[in-house]
Amino acid sequence: MSEPKLEDIGDYNTLKGEKKRIVWAVIIAGLLLGVIYMIANKVYNDKGDAIPVKDEITVVPLSKSIPVR
């Protein structure tokens, strides 16, 4: 079995027919999934109920103390 050569490939320069439709279908499906993900992330990633934390970290365990300024 030898390595395929570029000259031996039928659709090397341009895609035609069914292959072209498959490539476009994959591109469109990827774009649609990206849009669906963005919408779902926007809807379900609500941070309105986050708990505010007001404590400052002044000492890191097992390390040097951080001076408070």
PDB file of N, CA and C in Angstrom:
ATOM      1  N   MET A   1       0.833  -1.178   0.000  1.00  0.00           N
ATOM      2  CA  MET A   1       0.000   0.000   0.000  1.00  0.00           C
ATOM      3  C   MET A   1       0.879   1.243   0.000  1.00  0.00           C
ATOM      4  N   SER A   2       0.678   2.083  -0.957  1.00  0.00           N
ATOM      5  CA  SER A   2       1.488   3.295  -1.028  1.00  0.00           C
ATOM      6  C   SER A   2       0.666   4.504  -0.566  1.00  0.00           C
ATOM      7  N   GLU A   3       1.372   5.581  -0.324  1.00  0.00           N
ATOM      8  CA  GLU A   3       0.713   6.807   0.100  1.00  0.00           C
ATOM      9  C   GLU A   3      -0.084   7.390  -1.054  1.00  0.00           C
ATOM     10  N   PRO A   4      -1.271   7.949  -0.785  1.00  0.00           N
ATOM     11  CA  PRO A   4      -2.032   8.564  -1.871  1.00  0.00           C
ATOM     12  C   PRO A   4      -1.358   9.849  -2.340  1.00  0.00           C
ATOM     13  N   LYS A   5      -1.464  10.125  -3.622  1.00  0.00           N
ATOM     14  CA  LYS A   5      -0.893  11.340  -4.197  1.00  0.00           C
ATOM     15  C   LYS A   5      -2.015  12.331  -4.451  1.00  0.00           C
ATOM     16  N   LEU A   6      -1.687  13.605  -4.384  1.00  0.00           N
ATOM     17  CA  LEU A   6      -2.701  14.631  -4.606  1.00  0.00           C
ATOM     18  C   LEU A   6      -3.307  14.545  -6.001  1.00  0.00           C
ATOM     19  N   GLU A   7      -2.525  14.120  -6.960  1.00  0.00           N
ATOM     20  CA  GLU A   7      -3.024  14.020  -8.330  1.00  0.00           C
ATOM     21  C   GLU A   7      -4.070  12.922  -8.476  1.00  0.00           C
ATOM     22  N   ASP A   8      -4.052  11.927  -7.561  1.00  0.00           N
ATOM     23  CA  ASP A   8      -4.974  10.802  -7.646  1.00  0.00           C
ATOM     24  C   ASP A   8      -6.331  11.085  -6.999  1.00  0.00           C
ATOM     25  N   ILE A   9      -6.427  12.151  -6.231  1.00  0.00           N
ATOM     26  CA  ILE A   9      -7.676  12.464  -5.541  1.00  0.00           C
ATOM     27  C   ILE A   9      -8.607  13.170  -6.523  1.00  0.00           C
ATOM     28  N   GLY A  10      -9.840  12.672  -6.627  1.00  0.00           N
ATOM     29  CA  GLY A  10     -10.788  13.198  -7.609  1.00  0.00           C
ATOM     30  C   GLY A  10     -11.243  14.625  -7.353  1.00  0.00           C
ATOM     31  N   ASP A  11     -11.536  14.984  -6.115  1.00  0.00           N
ATOM     32  CA  ASP A  11     -12.062  16.310  -5.791  1.00  0.00           C
ATOM     33  C   ASP A  11     -11.002  17.186  -5.131  1.00  0.00           C
ATOM     34  N   TYR A  12      -9.791  17.152  -5.603  1.00  0.00           N
ATOM     35  CA  TYR A  12      -8.726  17.907  -4.950  1.00  0.00           C
ATOM     36  C   TYR A  12      -8.943  19.409  -5.088  1.00  0.00           C
ATOM     37  N   ASN A  13      -9.238  19.905  -6.278  1.00  0.00           N
ATOM     38  CA  ASN A  13      -9.347  21.350  -6.504  1.00  0.00           C
ATOM     39  C   ASN A  13     -10.659  21.918  -5.984  1.00  0.00           C
ATOM     40  N   THR A  14     -11.763  21.268  -6.256  1.00  0.00           N
ATOM     41  CA  THR A  14     -13.061  21.783  -5.819  1.00  0.00           C
ATOM     42  C   THR A  14     -13.934  20.640  -5.338  1.00  0.00           C
ATOM     43  N   LEU A  15     -14.781  20.946  -4.386  1.00  0.00           N
ATOM     44  CA  LEU A  15     -15.748  19.962  -3.944  1.00  0.00           C
ATOM     45  C   LEU A  15     -16.977  20.066  -4.829  1.00  0.00           C
ATOM     46  N   LYS A  16     -17.590  18.940  -5.117  1.00  0.00           N
ATOM     47  CA  LYS A  16     -18.762  18.936  -5.985  1.00  0.00           C
ATOM     48  C   LYS A  16     -19.818  17.998  -5.411  1.00  0.00           C
ATOM     49  N   GLY A  17     -21.064  18.323  -5.671  1.00  0.00           N
ATOM     50  CA  GLY A  17     -22.168  17.433  -5.365  1.00  0.00           C
ATOM     51  C   GLY A  17     -22.374  17.172  -3.886  1.00  0.00           C
ATOM     52  N   GLU A  18     -22.468  15.892  -3.555  1.00  0.00           N
ATOM     53  CA  GLU A  18     -22.813  15.460  -2.199  1.00  0.00           C
ATOM     54  C   GLU A  18     -21.771  15.907  -1.164  1.00  0.00           C
ATOM     55  N   LYS A  19     -20.498  15.876  -1.520  1.00  0.00           N
ATOM     56  CA  LYS A  19     -19.447  16.285  -0.582  1.00  0.00           C
ATOM     57  C   LYS A  19     -19.606  17.755  -0.208  1.00  0.00           C
ATOM     58  N   LYS A  20     -19.942  18.586  -1.187  1.00  0.00           N
ATOM     59  CA  LYS A  20     -20.114  20.008  -0.938  1.00  0.00           C
ATOM     60  C   LYS A  20     -21.302  20.243  -0.003  1.00  0.00           C
ATOM     61  N   ARG A  21     -22.390  19.509  -0.190  1.00  0.00           N
ATOM     62  CA  ARG A  21     -23.561  19.649   0.673  1.00  0.00           C
ATOM     63  C   ARG A  21     -23.245  19.199   2.098  1.00  0.00           C
ATOM     64  N   ILE A  22     -22.451  18.158   2.240  1.00  0.00           N
ATOM     65  CA  ILE A  22     -22.085  17.680   3.574  1.00  0.00           C
ATOM     66  C   ILE A  22     -21.231  18.708   4.296  1.00  0.00           C
ATOM     67  N   VAL A  23     -20.282  19.308   3.593  1.00  0.00           N
ATOM     68  CA  VAL A  23     -19.428  20.326   4.207  1.00  0.00           C
ATOM     69  C   VAL A  23     -20.276  21.501   4.677  1.00  0.00           C
ATOM     70  N   TRP A  24     -21.193  21.969   3.834  1.00  0.00           N
ATOM     71  CA  TRP A  24     -22.051  23.090   4.214  1.00  0.00           C
ATOM     72  C   TRP A  24     -22.983  22.710   5.358  1.00  0.00           C
ATOM     73  N   ALA A  25     -23.473  21.492   5.380  1.00  0.00           N
ATOM     74  CA  ALA A  25     -24.345  21.046   6.473  1.00  0.00           C
ATOM     75  C   ALA A  25     -23.592  21.038   7.802  1.00  0.00           C
ATOM     76  N   VAL A  26     -22.337  20.598   7.788  1.00  0.00           N
ATOM     77  CA  VAL A  26     -21.529  20.587   9.010  1.00  0.00           C
ATOM     78  C   VAL A  26     -21.260  22.013   9.479  1.00  0.00           C
ATOM     79  N   ILE A  27     -20.951  22.914   8.574  1.00  0.00           N
ATOM     80  CA  ILE A  27     -20.699  24.314   8.936  1.00  0.00           C
ATOM     81  C   ILE A  27     -21.950  24.941   9.538  1.00  0.00           C
ATOM     82  N   ILE A  28     -23.092  24.751   8.896  1.00  0.00           N
ATOM     83  CA  ILE A  28     -24.344  25.336   9.387  1.00  0.00           C
ATOM     84  C   ILE A  28     -24.740  24.723  10.727  1.00  0.00           C
ATOM     85  N   ALA A  29     -24.553  23.411  10.889  1.00  0.00           N
ATOM     86  CA  ALA A  29     -24.867  22.765  12.160  1.00  0.00           C
ATOM     87  C   ALA A  29     -23.985  23.320  13.275  1.00  0.00           C
ATOM     88  N   GLY A  30     -22.722  23.539  13.006  1.00  0.00           N
ATOM     89  CA  GLY A  30     -21.823  24.114  14.007  1.00  0.00           C
ATOM     90  C   GLY A  30     -22.242  25.514  14.414  1.00  0.00           C
ATOM     91  N   LEU A  31     -22.628  26.326  13.431  1.00  0.00           N
ATOM     92  CA  LEU A  31     -23.083  27.683  13.728  1.00  0.00           C
ATOM     93  C   LEU A  31     -24.379  27.661  14.545  1.00  0.00           C
ATOM     94  N   LEU A  32     -25.304  26.781  14.187  1.00  0.00           N
ATOM     95  CA  LEU A  32     -26.567  26.679  14.926  1.00  0.00           C
ATOM     96  C   LEU A  32     -26.328  26.230  16.364  1.00  0.00           C
ATOM     97  N   LEU A  33     -25.457  25.247  16.559  1.00  0.00           N
ATOM     98  CA  LEU A  33     -25.141  24.806  17.919  1.00  0.00           C
ATOM     99  C   LEU A  33     -24.495  25.927  18.733  1.00  0.00           C
ATOM    100  N   GLY A  34     -23.656  26.715  18.092  1.00  0.00           N
ATOM    101  CA  GLY A  34     -23.036  27.853  18.778  1.00  0.00           C
ATOM    102  C   GLY A  34     -24.067  28.879  19.202  1.00  0.00           C
ATOM    103  N   VAL A  35     -25.032  29.170  18.337  1.00  0.00           N
ATOM    104  CA  VAL A  35     -26.084  30.135  18.668  1.00  0.00           C
ATOM    105  C   VAL A  35     -26.958  29.596  19.795  1.00  0.00           C
ATOM    106  N   ILE A  36     -27.316  28.313  19.735  1.00  0.00           N
ATOM    107  CA  ILE A  36     -28.128  27.711  20.791  1.00  0.00           C
ATOM    108  C   ILE A  36     -27.385  27.749  22.122  1.00  0.00           C
ATOM    109  N   TYR A  37     -26.099  27.468  22.100  1.00  0.00           N
ATOM    110  CA  TYR A  37     -25.297  27.509  23.326  1.00  0.00           C
ATOM    111  C   TYR A  37     -25.254  28.920  23.900  1.00  0.00           C
ATOM    112  N   MET A  38     -25.063  29.933  23.048  1.00  0.00           N
ATOM    113  CA  MET A  38     -25.016  31.316  23.524  1.00  0.00           C
ATOM    114  C   MET A  38     -26.338  31.719  24.167  1.00  0.00           C
ATOM    115  N   ILE A  39     -27.450  31.351  23.546  1.00  0.00           N
ATOM    116  CA  ILE A  39     -28.765  31.697  24.093  1.00  0.00           C
ATOM    117  C   ILE A  39     -28.985  30.988  25.424  1.00  0.00           C
ATOM    118  N   ALA A  40     -28.675  29.699  25.489  1.00  0.00           N
ATOM    119  CA  ALA A  40     -28.855  28.943  26.726  1.00  0.00           C
ATOM    120  C   ALA A  40     -27.951  29.480  27.832  1.00  0.00           C
ATOM    121  N   ASN A  41     -26.750  29.852  27.497  1.00  0.00           N
ATOM    122  CA  ASN A  41     -25.823  30.392  28.479  1.00  0.00           C
ATOM    123  C   ASN A  41     -26.339  31.729  29.018  1.00  0.00           C
ATOM    124  N   LYS A  42     -26.901  32.538  28.165  1.00  0.00           N
ATOM    125  CA  LYS A  42     -27.428  33.832  28.574  1.00  0.00           C
ATOM    126  C   LYS A  42     -28.649  33.658  29.481  1.00  0.00           C
ATOM    127  N   VAL A  43     -29.515  32.697  29.156  1.00  0.00           N
ATOM    128  CA  VAL A  43     -30.751  32.494  29.905  1.00  0.00           C
ATOM    129  C   VAL A  43     -30.480  31.834  31.256  1.00  0.00           C
ATOM    130  N   TYR A  44     -29.672  30.794  31.282  1.00  0.00           N
ATOM    131  CA  TYR A  44     -29.495  29.995  32.489  1.00  0.00           C
ATOM    132  C   TYR A  44     -28.308  30.406  33.348  1.00  0.00           C
ATOM    133  N   ASN A  45     -27.509  31.345  32.901  1.00  0.00           N
ATOM    134  CA  ASN A  45     -26.341  31.770  33.665  1.00  0.00           C
ATOM    135  C   ASN A  45     -26.638  33.088  34.380  1.00  0.00           C
ATOM    136  N   ASP A  46     -27.717  33.113  35.147  1.00  0.00           N
ATOM    137  CA  ASP A  46     -28.127  34.303  35.874  1.00  0.00           C
ATOM    138  C   ASP A  46     -27.370  34.358  37.198  1.00  0.00           C
ATOM    139  N   LYS A  47     -26.642  35.435  37.428  1.00  0.00           N
ATOM    140  CA  LYS A  47     -25.873  35.565  38.656  1.00  0.00           C
ATOM    141  C   LYS A  47     -26.516  36.580  39.596  1.00  0.00           C
ATOM    142  N   GLY A  48     -27.815  36.774  39.475  1.00  0.00           N
ATOM    143  CA  GLY A  48     -28.517  37.727  40.313  1.00  0.00           C
ATOM    144  C   GLY A  48     -28.637  37.283  41.757  1.00  0.00           C
ATOM    145  N   ASP A  49     -28.530  36.009  42.040  1.00  0.00           N
ATOM    146  CA  ASP A  49     -28.664  35.519  43.399  1.00  0.00           C
ATOM    147  C   ASP A  49     -27.312  35.179  44.036  1.00  0.00           C
ATOM    148  N   ALA A  50     -26.249  35.803  43.564  1.00  0.00           N
ATOM    149  CA  ALA A  50     -24.918  35.536  44.110  1.00  0.00           C
ATOM    150  C   ALA A  50     -24.814  36.112  45.520  1.00  0.00           C
ATOM    151  N   ILE A  51     -24.087  35.443  46.376  1.00  0.00           N
ATOM    152  CA  ILE A  51     -23.896  35.881  47.759  1.00  0.00           C
ATOM    153  C   ILE A  51     -22.677  36.793  47.806  1.00  0.00           C
ATOM    154  N   PRO A  52     -22.849  38.042  48.225  1.00  0.00           N
ATOM    155  CA  PRO A  52     -21.699  38.950  48.291  1.00  0.00           C
ATOM    156  C   PRO A  52     -20.772  38.572  49.456  1.00  0.00           C
ATOM    157  N   VAL A  53     -19.485  38.621  49.227  1.00  0.00           N
ATOM    158  CA  VAL A  53     -18.486  38.307  50.244  1.00  0.00           C
ATOM    159  C   VAL A  53     -17.704  39.572  50.528  1.00  0.00           C
ATOM    160  N   LYS A  54     -17.691  39.992  51.815  1.00  0.00           N
ATOM    161  CA  LYS A  54     -17.029  41.244  52.182  1.00  0.00           C
ATOM    162  C   LYS A  54     -15.751  41.010  52.980  1.00  0.00           C
ATOM    163  N   ASP A  55     -15.445  39.761  53.310  1.00  0.00           N
ATOM    164  CA  ASP A  55     -14.243  39.461  54.085  1.00  0.00           C
ATOM    165  C   ASP A  55     -13.019  39.577  53.190  1.00  0.00           C
ATOM    166  N   GLU A  56     -11.984  40.220  53.751  1.00  0.00           N
ATOM    167  CA  GLU A  56     -10.733  40.313  53.023  1.00  0.00           C
ATOM    168  C   GLU A  56      -9.805  39.189  53.483  1.00  0.00           C
ATOM    169  N   ILE A  57      -9.052  38.633  52.590  1.00  0.00           N
ATOM    170  CA  ILE A  57      -8.090  37.593  52.942  1.00  0.00           C
ATOM    171  C   ILE A  57      -6.805  38.293  53.362  1.00  0.00           C
ATOM    172  N   THR A  58      -6.405  38.094  54.624  1.00  0.00           N
ATOM    173  CA  THR A  58      -5.187  38.749  55.113  1.00  0.00           C
ATOM    174  C   THR A  58      -4.047  37.757  55.322  1.00  0.00           C
ATOM    175  N   VAL A  59      -4.368  36.471  55.514  1.00  0.00           N
ATOM    176  CA  VAL A  59      -3.335  35.467  55.730  1.00  0.00           C
ATOM    177  C   VAL A  59      -3.625  34.285  54.817  1.00  0.00           C
ATOM    178  N   VAL A  60      -2.600  33.886  54.080  1.00  0.00           N
ATOM    179  CA  VAL A  60      -2.715  32.714  53.231  1.00  0.00           C
ATOM    180  C   VAL A  60      -2.103  31.546  53.990  1.00  0.00           C
ATOM    181  N   PRO A  61      -2.849  30.480  54.226  1.00  0.00           N
ATOM    182  CA  PRO A  61      -2.306  29.351  54.989  1.00  0.00           C
ATOM    183  C   PRO A  61      -1.052  28.774  54.327  1.00  0.00           C
ATOM    184  N   LEU A  62      -0.097  28.380  55.157  1.00  0.00           N
ATOM    185  CA  LEU A  62       1.165  27.770  54.717  1.00  0.00           C
ATOM    186  C   LEU A  62       1.963  28.682  53.795  1.00  0.00           C
ATOM    187  N   SER A  63       1.857  29.975  54.013  1.00  0.00           N
ATOM    188  CA  SER A  63       2.603  30.927  53.205  1.00  0.00           C
ATOM    189  C   SER A  63       2.894  32.153  54.066  1.00  0.00           C
ATOM    190  N   LYS A  64       3.451  33.182  53.474  1.00  0.00           N
ATOM    191  CA  LYS A  64       3.736  34.416  54.203  1.00  0.00           C
ATOM    192  C   LYS A  64       2.450  35.217  54.387  1.00  0.00           C
ATOM    193  N   SER A  65       2.411  36.029  55.417  1.00  0.00           N
ATOM    194  CA  SER A  65       1.262  36.890  55.664  1.00  0.00           C
ATOM    195  C   SER A  65       1.275  38.042  54.652  1.00  0.00           C
ATOM    196  N   ILE A  66       0.094  38.415  54.247  1.00  0.00           N
ATOM    197  CA  ILE A  66      -0.057  39.545  53.322  1.00  0.00           C
ATOM    198  C   ILE A  66      -0.348  40.785  54.157  1.00  0.00           C
ATOM    199  N   PRO A  67       0.483  41.809  54.064  1.00  0.00           N
ATOM    200  CA  PRO A  67       0.210  43.010  54.877  1.00  0.00           C
ATOM    201  C   PRO A  67      -1.062  43.708  54.390  1.00  0.00           C
ATOM    202  N   VAL A  68      -1.863  44.182  55.356  1.00  0.00           N
ATOM    203  CA  VAL A  68      -3.094  44.913  55.035  1.00  0.00           C
ATOM    204  C   VAL A  68      -2.729  46.357  54.807  1.00  0.00           C
ATOM    205  N   ARG A  69      -3.143  46.911  53.684  1.00  0.00           N
ATOM    206  CA  ARG A  69      -2.813  48.315  53.368  1.00  0.00           C
ATOM    207  C   ARG A  69      -4.035  49.158  53.362  1.00  0.00           C
TER     208      ARG A  69
END
